[in-house]
């Protein structure tokens, strides 16, 4: 790689690091809201709502198309995020 391209690569990686930091802050905010939602659930079986998951993924697909984002990327990200938060809820569920 040429020195000029290496410098460009480093600048782009720095931009990615800044975006990652923003994403981490958003994930923290989402975690707080999910924790509040979990407090409302009385039974562990209420954690997974397949209808809601499908609605979210459809909505994300529409928004992705509208914003010209690769729908495979957003579907994979949202699916992984949803299931990661389901795991979070399962680990933090406290029987009442």
PDB file of N, CA and C in Angstrom:
ATOM      1  N   UNK A   1       0.853  -1.178   0.000  1.00  0.00           N
ATOM      2  CA  UNK A   1       0.000   0.000   0.000  1.00  0.00           C
ATOM      3  C   UNK A   1       0.896   1.238   0.000  1.00  0.00           C
ATOM      4  N   UNK A   2       0.522   2.189  -0.810  1.00  0.00           N
ATOM      5  CA  UNK A   2       1.318   3.408  -0.901  1.00  0.00           C
ATOM      6  C   UNK A   2       1.154   4.231   0.376  1.00  0.00           C
ATOM      7  N   UNK A   3       2.130   5.071   0.690  1.00  0.00           N
ATOM      8  CA  UNK A   3       2.022   5.924   1.887  1.00  0.00           C
ATOM      9  C   UNK A   3       0.790   6.826   1.870  1.00  0.00           C
ATOM     10  N   UNK A   4       0.424   7.307   0.693  1.00  0.00           N
ATOM     11  CA  UNK A   4      -0.763   8.169   0.581  1.00  0.00           C
ATOM     12  C   UNK A   4      -2.021   7.370   0.912  1.00  0.00           C
ATOM     13  N   UNK A   5      -2.110   6.163   0.361  1.00  0.00           N
ATOM     14  CA  UNK A   5      -3.280   5.327   0.646  1.00  0.00           C
ATOM     15  C   UNK A   5      -3.307   4.878   2.105  1.00  0.00           C
ATOM     16  N   UNK A   6      -2.145   4.656   2.658  1.00  0.00           N
ATOM     17  CA  UNK A   6      -2.087   4.266   4.067  1.00  0.00           C
ATOM     18  C   UNK A   6      -2.602   5.402   4.958  1.00  0.00           C
ATOM     19  N   UNK A   7      -2.262   6.623   4.599  1.00  0.00           N
ATOM     20  CA  UNK A   7      -2.740   7.784   5.346  1.00  0.00           C
ATOM     21  C   UNK A   7      -4.262   7.926   5.209  1.00  0.00           C
ATOM     22  N   UNK A   8      -4.759   7.727   3.988  1.00  0.00           N
ATOM     23  CA  UNK A   8      -6.204   7.781   3.753  1.00  0.00           C
ATOM     24  C   UNK A   8      -6.918   6.691   4.551  1.00  0.00           C
ATOM     25  N   UNK A   9      -6.336   5.510   4.549  1.00  0.00           N
ATOM     26  CA  UNK A   9      -6.916   4.392   5.290  1.00  0.00           C
ATOM     27  C   UNK A   9      -7.006   4.718   6.777  1.00  0.00           C
ATOM     28  N   UNK A  10      -5.967   5.285   7.326  1.00  0.00           N
ATOM     29  CA  UNK A  10      -5.971   5.657   8.745  1.00  0.00           C
ATOM     30  C   UNK A  10      -7.038   6.701   9.057  1.00  0.00           C
ATOM     31  N   UNK A  11      -7.217   7.663   8.175  1.00  0.00           N
ATOM     32  CA  UNK A  11      -8.266   8.677   8.372  1.00  0.00           C
ATOM     33  C   UNK A  11      -9.646   8.029   8.357  1.00  0.00           C
ATOM     34  N   UNK A  12      -9.856   7.115   7.416  1.00  0.00           N
ATOM     35  CA  UNK A  12     -11.142   6.433   7.325  1.00  0.00           C
ATOM     36  C   UNK A  12     -11.378   5.556   8.556  1.00  0.00           C
ATOM     37  N   UNK A  13     -10.342   4.911   9.025  1.00  0.00           N
ATOM     38  CA  UNK A  13     -10.477   4.086  10.234  1.00  0.00           C
ATOM     39  C   UNK A  13     -10.798   4.954  11.452  1.00  0.00           C
ATOM     40  N   UNK A  14     -10.233   6.128  11.506  1.00  0.00           N
ATOM     41  CA  UNK A  14     -10.564   7.053  12.598  1.00  0.00           C
ATOM     42  C   UNK A  14     -12.038   7.461  12.534  1.00  0.00           C
ATOM     43  N   UNK A  15     -12.541   7.690  11.333  1.00  0.00           N
ATOM     44  CA  UNK A  15     -13.962   8.009  11.175  1.00  0.00           C
ATOM     45  C   UNK A  15     -14.824   6.846  11.655  1.00  0.00           C
ATOM     46  N   UNK A  16     -14.415   5.634  11.313  1.00  0.00           N
ATOM     47  CA  UNK A  16     -15.148   4.454  11.765  1.00  0.00           C
ATOM     48  C   UNK A  16     -15.131   4.345  13.290  1.00  0.00           C
ATOM     49  N   UNK A  17     -14.010   4.656  13.891  1.00  0.00           N
ATOM     50  CA  UNK A  17     -13.914   4.627  15.367  1.00  0.00           C
ATOM     51  C   UNK A  17     -14.890   5.615  16.002  1.00  0.00           C
ATOM     52  N   UNK A  18     -15.024   6.775  15.407  1.00  0.00           N
ATOM     53  CA  UNK A  18     -15.956   7.791  15.927  1.00  0.00           C
ATOM     54  C   UNK A  18     -17.403   7.289  15.797  1.00  0.00           C
ATOM     55  N   UNK A  19     -17.714   6.706  14.653  1.00  0.00           N
ATOM     56  CA  UNK A  19     -19.056   6.142  14.448  1.00  0.00           C
ATOM     57  C   UNK A  19     -19.311   5.025  15.459  1.00  0.00           C
ATOM     58  N   UNK A  20     -18.323   4.165  15.682  1.00  0.00           N
ATOM     59  CA  UNK A  20     -18.463   3.079  16.660  1.00  0.00           C
ATOM     60  C   UNK A  20     -18.749   3.627  18.053  1.00  0.00           C
ATOM     61  N   UNK A  21     -18.108   4.708  18.414  1.00  0.00           N
ATOM     62  CA  UNK A  21     -18.364   5.322  19.721  1.00  0.00           C
ATOM     63  C   UNK A  21     -19.799   5.821  19.836  1.00  0.00           C
ATOM     64  N   UNK A  22     -20.316   6.383  18.750  1.00  0.00           N
ATOM     65  CA  UNK A  22     -21.718   6.826  18.733  1.00  0.00           C
ATOM     66  C   UNK A  22     -22.656   5.624  18.862  1.00  0.00           C
ATOM     67  N   UNK A  23     -22.328   4.559  18.156  1.00  0.00           N
ATOM     68  CA  UNK A  23     -23.151   3.351  18.234  1.00  0.00           C
ATOM     69  C   UNK A  23     -23.160   2.779  19.653  1.00  0.00           C
ATOM     70  N   UNK A  24     -22.028   2.786  20.304  1.00  0.00           N
ATOM     71  CA  UNK A  24     -21.965   2.291  21.679  1.00  0.00           C
ATOM     72  C   UNK A  24     -22.864   3.102  22.610  1.00  0.00           C
ATOM     73  N   UNK A  25     -22.886   4.396  22.427  1.00  0.00           N
ATOM     74  CA  UNK A  25     -23.762   5.245  23.248  1.00  0.00           C
ATOM     75  C   UNK A  25     -25.232   4.920  22.983  1.00  0.00           C
ATOM     76  N   UNK A  26     -25.570   4.678  21.728  1.00  0.00           N
ATOM     77  CA  UNK A  26     -26.948   4.319  21.384  1.00  0.00           C
ATOM     78  C   UNK A  26     -27.323   2.949  21.954  1.00  0.00           C
ATOM     79  N   UNK A  27     -26.394   2.025  21.915  1.00  0.00           N
ATOM     80  CA  UNK A  27     -26.657   0.696  22.483  1.00  0.00           C
ATOM     81  C   UNK A  27     -26.872   0.801  23.988  1.00  0.00           C
ATOM     82  N   UNK A  28     -26.130   1.653  24.631  1.00  0.00           N
ATOM     83  CA  UNK A  28     -26.315   1.878  26.071  1.00  0.00           C
ATOM     84  C   UNK A  28     -27.729   2.423  26.337  1.00  0.00           C
ATOM     85  N   UNK A  29     -28.145   3.415  25.552  1.00  0.00           N
ATOM     86  CA  UNK A  29     -29.495   3.976  25.703  1.00  0.00           C
ATOM     87  C   UNK A  29     -30.555   2.910  25.460  1.00  0.00           C
ATOM     88  N   UNK A  30     -30.347   2.092  24.453  1.00  0.00           N
ATOM     89  CA  UNK A  30     -31.304   1.035  24.142  1.00  0.00           C
ATOM     90  C   UNK A  30     -31.364   0.017  25.287  1.00  0.00           C
ATOM     91  N   UNK A  31     -30.227  -0.282  25.861  1.00  0.00           N
ATOM     92  CA  UNK A  31     -30.172  -1.222  26.989  1.00  0.00           C
ATOM     93  C   UNK A  31     -30.995  -0.724  28.170  1.00  0.00           C
ATOM     94  N   UNK A  32     -30.926   0.563  28.411  1.00  0.00           N
ATOM     95  CA  UNK A  32     -31.688   1.155  29.512  1.00  0.00           C
ATOM     96  C   UNK A  32     -33.185   1.019  29.256  1.00  0.00           C
ATOM     97  N   UNK A  33     -33.612   1.305  28.032  1.00  0.00           N
ATOM     98  CA  UNK A  33     -35.034   1.193  27.689  1.00  0.00           C
ATOM     99  C   UNK A  33     -35.482  -0.270  27.753  1.00  0.00           C
ATOM    100  N   UNK A  34     -34.665  -1.182  27.257  1.00  0.00           N
ATOM    101  CA  UNK A  34     -35.009  -2.607  27.314  1.00  0.00           C
ATOM    102  C   UNK A  34     -35.135  -3.052  28.773  1.00  0.00           C
ATOM    103  N   UNK A  35     -34.295  -2.555  29.635  1.00  0.00           N
ATOM    104  CA  UNK A  35     -34.390  -2.891  31.064  1.00  0.00           C
ATOM    105  C   UNK A  35     -35.717  -2.423  31.644  1.00  0.00           C
ATOM    106  N   UNK A  36     -36.174  -1.263  31.220  1.00  0.00           N
ATOM    107  CA  UNK A  36     -37.469  -0.745  31.679  1.00  0.00           C
ATOM    108  C   UNK A  36     -38.611  -1.617  31.152  1.00  0.00           C
ATOM    109  N   UNK A  37     -38.508  -2.018  29.893  1.00  0.00           N
ATOM    110  CA  UNK A  37     -39.517  -2.898  29.299  1.00  0.00           C
ATOM    111  C   UNK A  37     -39.557  -4.223  30.067  1.00  0.00           C
ATOM    112  N   UNK A  38     -38.397  -4.739  30.391  1.00  0.00           N
ATOM    113  CA  UNK A  38     -38.318  -6.017  31.106  1.00  0.00           C
ATOM    114  C   UNK A  38     -39.013  -5.961  32.464  1.00  0.00           C
ATOM    115  N   UNK A  39     -38.953  -4.827  33.106  1.00  0.00           N
ATOM    116  CA  UNK A  39     -39.620  -4.673  34.406  1.00  0.00           C
ATOM    117  C   UNK A  39     -41.140  -4.839  34.297  1.00  0.00           C
ATOM    118  N   UNK A  40     -41.683  -4.605  33.109  1.00  0.00           N
ATOM    119  CA  UNK A  40     -43.125  -4.716  32.891  1.00  0.00           C
ATOM    120  C   UNK A  40     -43.575  -6.143  32.599  1.00  0.00           C
ATOM    121  N   UNK A  41     -42.625  -7.006  32.293  1.00  0.00           N
ATOM    122  CA  UNK A  41     -42.962  -8.377  31.936  1.00  0.00           C
ATOM    123  C   UNK A  41     -43.069  -9.237  33.180  1.00  0.00           C
ATOM    124  N   UNK A  42     -44.193  -9.915  33.277  1.00  0.00           N
ATOM    125  CA  UNK A  42     -44.456 -10.731  34.456  1.00  0.00           C
ATOM    126  C   UNK A  42     -43.927 -12.156  34.294  1.00  0.00           C
ATOM    127  N   UNK A  43     -43.981 -12.663  33.062  1.00  0.00           N
ATOM    128  CA  UNK A  43     -43.570 -14.033  32.792  1.00  0.00           C
ATOM    129  C   UNK A  43     -42.446 -14.058  31.761  1.00  0.00           C
ATOM    130  N   UNK A  44     -41.557 -15.009  31.933  1.00  0.00           N
ATOM    131  CA  UNK A  44     -40.420 -15.123  31.020  1.00  0.00           C
ATOM    132  C   UNK A  44     -40.869 -15.366  29.579  1.00  0.00           C
ATOM    133  N   UNK A  45     -41.992 -16.039  29.409  1.00  0.00           N
ATOM    134  CA  UNK A  45     -42.486 -16.330  28.056  1.00  0.00           C
ATOM    135  C   UNK A  45     -42.892 -15.051  27.308  1.00  0.00           C
ATOM    136  N   UNK A  46     -43.028 -13.941  28.013  1.00  0.00           N
ATOM    137  CA  UNK A  46     -43.383 -12.664  27.375  1.00  0.00           C
ATOM    138  C   UNK A  46     -42.178 -12.010  26.698  1.00  0.00           C
ATOM    139  N   UNK A  47     -41.006 -12.546  26.923  1.00  0.00           N
ATOM    140  CA  UNK A  47     -39.795 -11.922  26.379  1.00  0.00           C
ATOM    141  C   UNK A  47     -39.762 -11.978  24.853  1.00  0.00           C
ATOM    142  N   UNK A  48     -40.100 -13.118  24.285  1.00  0.00           N
ATOM    143  CA  UNK A  48     -40.049 -13.258  22.827  1.00  0.00           C
ATOM    144  C   UNK A  48     -41.445 -13.019  22.243  1.00  0.00           C
ATOM    145  N   UNK A  49     -41.517 -12.014  21.378  1.00  0.00           N
ATOM    146  CA  UNK A  49     -42.766 -11.685  20.687  1.00  0.00           C
ATOM    147  C   UNK A  49     -42.458 -11.735  19.185  1.00  0.00           C
ATOM    148  N   UNK A  50     -42.685 -12.891  18.590  1.00  0.00           N
ATOM    149  CA  UNK A  50     -42.318 -13.101  17.183  1.00  0.00           C
ATOM    150  C   UNK A  50     -43.040 -12.140  16.238  1.00  0.00           C
ATOM    151  N   UNK A  51     -44.284 -11.815  16.568  1.00  0.00           N
ATOM    152  CA  UNK A  51     -45.033 -10.868  15.736  1.00  0.00           C
ATOM    153  C   UNK A  51     -44.326  -9.513  15.730  1.00  0.00           C
ATOM    154  N   UNK A  52     -43.929  -9.064  16.896  1.00  0.00           N
ATOM    155  CA  UNK A  52     -43.221  -7.777  17.021  1.00  0.00           C
ATOM    156  C   UNK A  52     -41.873  -7.818  16.287  1.00  0.00           C
ATOM    157  N   UNK A  53     -41.167  -8.922  16.407  1.00  0.00           N
ATOM    158  CA  UNK A  53     -39.873  -9.061  15.722  1.00  0.00           C
ATOM    159  C   UNK A  53     -40.068  -8.928  14.216  1.00  0.00           C
ATOM    160  N   UNK A  54     -41.063  -9.617  13.689  1.00  0.00           N
ATOM    161  CA  UNK A  54     -41.336  -9.534  12.245  1.00  0.00           C
ATOM    162  C   UNK A  54     -41.720  -8.124  11.821  1.00  0.00           C
ATOM    163  N   UNK A  55     -42.514  -7.437  12.640  1.00  0.00           N
ATOM    164  CA  UNK A  55     -42.897  -6.052  12.335  1.00  0.00           C
ATOM    165  C   UNK A  55     -41.664  -5.155  12.288  1.00  0.00           C
ATOM    166  N   UNK A  56     -40.784  -5.325  13.257  1.00  0.00           N
ATOM    167  CA  UNK A  56     -39.567  -4.506  13.304  1.00  0.00           C
ATOM    168  C   UNK A  56     -38.724  -4.743  12.061  1.00  0.00           C
ATOM    169  N   UNK A  57     -38.520  -6.005  11.710  1.00  0.00           N
ATOM    170  CA  UNK A  57     -37.671  -6.318  10.550  1.00  0.00           C
ATOM    171  C   UNK A  57     -38.279  -5.810   9.247  1.00  0.00           C
ATOM    172  N   UNK A  58     -39.601  -5.863   9.115  1.00  0.00           N
ATOM    173  CA  UNK A  58     -40.261  -5.311   7.923  1.00  0.00           C
ATOM    174  C   UNK A  58     -40.069  -3.798   7.859  1.00  0.00           C
ATOM    175  N   UNK A  59     -40.236  -3.153   9.007  1.00  0.00           N
ATOM    176  CA  UNK A  59     -40.080  -1.695   9.065  1.00  0.00           C
ATOM    177  C   UNK A  59     -38.643  -1.285   8.714  1.00  0.00           C
ATOM    178  N   UNK A  60     -37.688  -2.023   9.237  1.00  0.00           N
ATOM    179  CA  UNK A  60     -36.286  -1.724   8.960  1.00  0.00           C
ATOM    180  C   UNK A  60     -35.974  -1.937   7.478  1.00  0.00           C
ATOM    181  N   UNK A  61     -36.559  -2.960   6.892  1.00  0.00           N
ATOM    182  CA  UNK A  61     -36.339  -3.206   5.459  1.00  0.00           C
ATOM    183  C   UNK A  61     -36.864  -2.040   4.633  1.00  0.00           C
ATOM    184  N   UNK A  62     -38.074  -1.573   4.939  1.00  0.00           N
ATOM    185  CA  UNK A  62     -38.647  -0.440   4.207  1.00  0.00           C
ATOM    186  C   UNK A  62     -37.780   0.808   4.349  1.00  0.00           C
ATOM    187  N   UNK A  63     -37.350   1.076   5.582  1.00  0.00           N
ATOM    188  CA  UNK A  63     -36.509   2.249   5.817  1.00  0.00           C
ATOM    189  C   UNK A  63     -35.164   2.114   5.122  1.00  0.00           C
ATOM    190  N   UNK A  64     -34.636   0.911   5.106  1.00  0.00           N
ATOM    191  CA  UNK A  64     -33.353   0.672   4.438  1.00  0.00           C
ATOM    192  C   UNK A  64     -33.465   0.934   2.946  1.00  0.00           C
ATOM    193  N   UNK A  65     -34.532   0.444   2.349  1.00  0.00           N
ATOM    194  CA  UNK A  65     -34.744   0.661   0.916  1.00  0.00           C
ATOM    195  C   UNK A  65     -34.867   2.162   0.636  1.00  0.00           C
ATOM    196  N   UNK A  66     -35.648   2.831   1.461  1.00  0.00           N
ATOM    197  CA  UNK A  66     -35.861   4.273   1.284  1.00  0.00           C
ATOM    198  C   UNK A  66     -34.552   5.051   1.407  1.00  0.00           C
ATOM    199  N   UNK A  67     -33.687   4.612   2.306  1.00  0.00           N
ATOM    200  CA  UNK A  67     -32.420   5.317   2.520  1.00  0.00           C
ATOM    201  C   UNK A  67     -31.264   4.728   1.710  1.00  0.00           C
ATOM    202  N   UNK A  68     -31.604   3.783   0.859  1.00  0.00           N
ATOM    203  CA  UNK A  68     -30.612   3.145  -0.014  1.00  0.00           C
ATOM    204  C   UNK A  68     -29.477   2.485   0.767  1.00  0.00           C
ATOM    205  N   UNK A  69     -29.876   1.699   1.738  1.00  0.00           N
ATOM    206  CA  UNK A  69     -28.921   0.925   2.524  1.00  0.00           C
ATOM    207  C   UNK A  69     -29.135  -0.533   2.164  1.00  0.00           C
ATOM    208  N   UNK A  70     -28.067  -1.269   2.055  1.00  0.00           N
ATOM    209  CA  UNK A  70     -28.149  -2.692   1.736  1.00  0.00           C
ATOM    210  C   UNK A  70     -29.036  -3.396   2.769  1.00  0.00           C
ATOM    211  N   UNK A  71     -30.154  -3.943   2.310  1.00  0.00           N
ATOM    212  CA  UNK A  71     -31.128  -4.545   3.226  1.00  0.00           C
ATOM    213  C   UNK A  71     -30.599  -5.799   3.915  1.00  0.00           C
ATOM    214  N   UNK A  72     -29.668  -6.490   3.291  1.00  0.00           N
ATOM    215  CA  UNK A  72     -29.083  -7.670   3.932  1.00  0.00           C
ATOM    216  C   UNK A  72     -28.274  -7.264   5.164  1.00  0.00           C
ATOM    217  N   UNK A  73     -27.583  -6.141   5.054  1.00  0.00           N
ATOM    218  CA  UNK A  73     -26.797  -5.651   6.193  1.00  0.00           C
ATOM    219  C   UNK A  73     -27.727  -5.272   7.341  1.00  0.00           C
ATOM    220  N   UNK A  74     -28.751  -4.477   7.056  1.00  0.00           N
ATOM    221  CA  UNK A  74     -29.621  -4.011   8.141  1.00  0.00           C
ATOM    222  C   UNK A  74     -30.420  -5.157   8.744  1.00  0.00           C
ATOM    223  N   UNK A  75     -30.862  -6.095   7.912  1.00  0.00           N
ATOM    224  CA  UNK A  75     -31.601  -7.243   8.462  1.00  0.00           C
ATOM    225  C   UNK A  75     -30.715  -8.037   9.411  1.00  0.00           C
ATOM    226  N   UNK A  76     -29.489  -8.270   9.001  1.00  0.00           N
ATOM    227  CA  UNK A  76     -28.577  -9.043   9.843  1.00  0.00           C
ATOM    228  C   UNK A  76     -28.263  -8.293  11.138  1.00  0.00           C
ATOM    229  N   UNK A  77     -28.022  -7.008  11.034  1.00  0.00           N
ATOM    230  CA  UNK A  77     -27.714  -6.216  12.231  1.00  0.00           C
ATOM    231  C   UNK A  77     -28.902  -6.223  13.187  1.00  0.00           C
ATOM    232  N   UNK A  78     -30.093  -5.930  12.668  1.00  0.00           N
ATOM    233  CA  UNK A  78     -31.271  -5.867  13.549  1.00  0.00           C
ATOM    234  C   UNK A  78     -31.624  -7.233  14.124  1.00  0.00           C
ATOM    235  N   UNK A  79     -31.524  -8.268  13.318  1.00  0.00           N
ATOM    236  CA  UNK A  79     -31.808  -9.612  13.839  1.00  0.00           C
ATOM    237  C   UNK A  79     -30.851  -9.957  14.971  1.00  0.00           C
ATOM    238  N   UNK A  80     -29.587  -9.699  14.757  1.00  0.00           N
ATOM    239  CA  UNK A  80     -28.601  -9.978  15.805  1.00  0.00           C
ATOM    240  C   UNK A  80     -28.838  -9.119  17.043  1.00  0.00           C
ATOM    241  N   UNK A  81     -29.183  -7.868  16.828  1.00  0.00           N
ATOM    242  CA  UNK A  81     -29.441  -6.986  17.964  1.00  0.00           C
ATOM    243  C   UNK A  81     -30.668  -7.459  18.741  1.00  0.00           C
ATOM    244  N   UNK A  82     -31.731  -7.786  18.028  1.00  0.00           N
ATOM    245  CA  UNK A  82     -32.953  -8.255  18.687  1.00  0.00           C
ATOM    246  C   UNK A  82     -32.653  -9.497  19.522  1.00  0.00           C
ATOM    247  N   UNK A  83     -31.980 -10.479  18.927  1.00  0.00           N
ATOM    248  CA  UNK A  83     -31.708 -11.718  19.661  1.00  0.00           C
ATOM    249  C   UNK A  83     -30.704 -11.505  20.782  1.00  0.00           C
ATOM    250  N   UNK A  84     -29.823 -10.561  20.626  1.00  0.00           N
ATOM    251  CA  UNK A  84     -28.888 -10.232  21.708  1.00  0.00           C
ATOM    252  C   UNK A  84     -29.635  -9.615  22.887  1.00  0.00           C
ATOM    253  N   UNK A  85     -30.610  -8.765  22.597  1.00  0.00           N
ATOM    254  CA  UNK A  85     -31.398  -8.174  23.676  1.00  0.00           C
ATOM    255  C   UNK A  85     -32.373  -9.183  24.295  1.00  0.00           C
ATOM    256  N   UNK A  86     -32.828 -10.134  23.502  1.00  0.00           N
ATOM    257  CA  UNK A  86     -33.639 -11.215  24.071  1.00  0.00           C
ATOM    258  C   UNK A  86     -32.790 -12.006  25.062  1.00  0.00           C
ATOM    259  N   UNK A  87     -31.568 -12.286  24.684  1.00  0.00           N
ATOM    260  CA  UNK A  87     -30.648 -12.968  25.599  1.00  0.00           C
ATOM    261  C   UNK A  87     -30.426 -12.130  26.863  1.00  0.00           C
ATOM    262  N   UNK A  88     -30.244 -10.827  26.670  1.00  0.00           N
ATOM    263  CA  UNK A  88     -30.084  -9.902  27.805  1.00  0.00           C
ATOM    264  C   UNK A  88     -31.299  -9.976  28.736  1.00  0.00           C
ATOM    265  N   UNK A  89     -32.491  -9.965  28.140  1.00  0.00           N
ATOM    266  CA  UNK A  89     -33.716 -10.040  28.943  1.00  0.00           C
ATOM    267  C   UNK A  89     -33.807 -11.367  29.690  1.00  0.00           C
ATOM    268  N   UNK A  90     -33.492 -12.442  29.013  1.00  0.00           N
ATOM    269  CA  UNK A  90     -33.531 -13.757  29.665  1.00  0.00           C
ATOM    270  C   UNK A  90     -32.552 -13.829  30.842  1.00  0.00           C
ATOM    271  N   UNK A  91     -31.381 -13.260  30.651  1.00  0.00           N
ATOM    272  CA  UNK A  91     -30.384 -13.282  31.733  1.00  0.00           C
ATOM    273  C   UNK A  91     -30.762 -12.378  32.902  1.00  0.00           C
ATOM    274  N   UNK A  92     -31.548 -11.368  32.621  1.00  0.00           N
ATOM    275  CA  UNK A  92     -31.889 -10.384  33.671  1.00  0.00           C
ATOM    276  C   UNK A  92     -33.311 -10.493  34.175  1.00  0.00           C
ATOM    277  N   UNK A  93     -34.048 -11.456  33.679  1.00  0.00           N
ATOM    278  CA  UNK A  93     -35.431 -11.625  34.118  1.00  0.00           C
ATOM    279  C   UNK A  93     -35.451 -12.082  35.575  1.00  0.00           C
ATOM    280  N   UNK A  94     -36.259 -11.401  36.351  1.00  0.00           N
ATOM    281  CA  UNK A  94     -36.412 -11.766  37.762  1.00  0.00           C
ATOM    282  C   UNK A  94     -37.865 -12.146  38.004  1.00  0.00           C
ATOM    283  N   UNK A  95     -38.066 -13.369  38.387  1.00  0.00           N
ATOM    284  CA  UNK A  95     -39.422 -13.861  38.638  1.00  0.00           C
ATOM    285  C   UNK A  95     -40.026 -13.060  39.780  1.00  0.00           C
ATOM    286  N   UNK A  96     -41.279 -12.649  39.580  1.00  0.00           N
ATOM    287  CA  UNK A  96     -41.942 -11.828  40.587  1.00  0.00           C
ATOM    288  C   UNK A  96     -42.854 -12.662  41.455  1.00  0.00           C
TER     289      UNK A  96
END
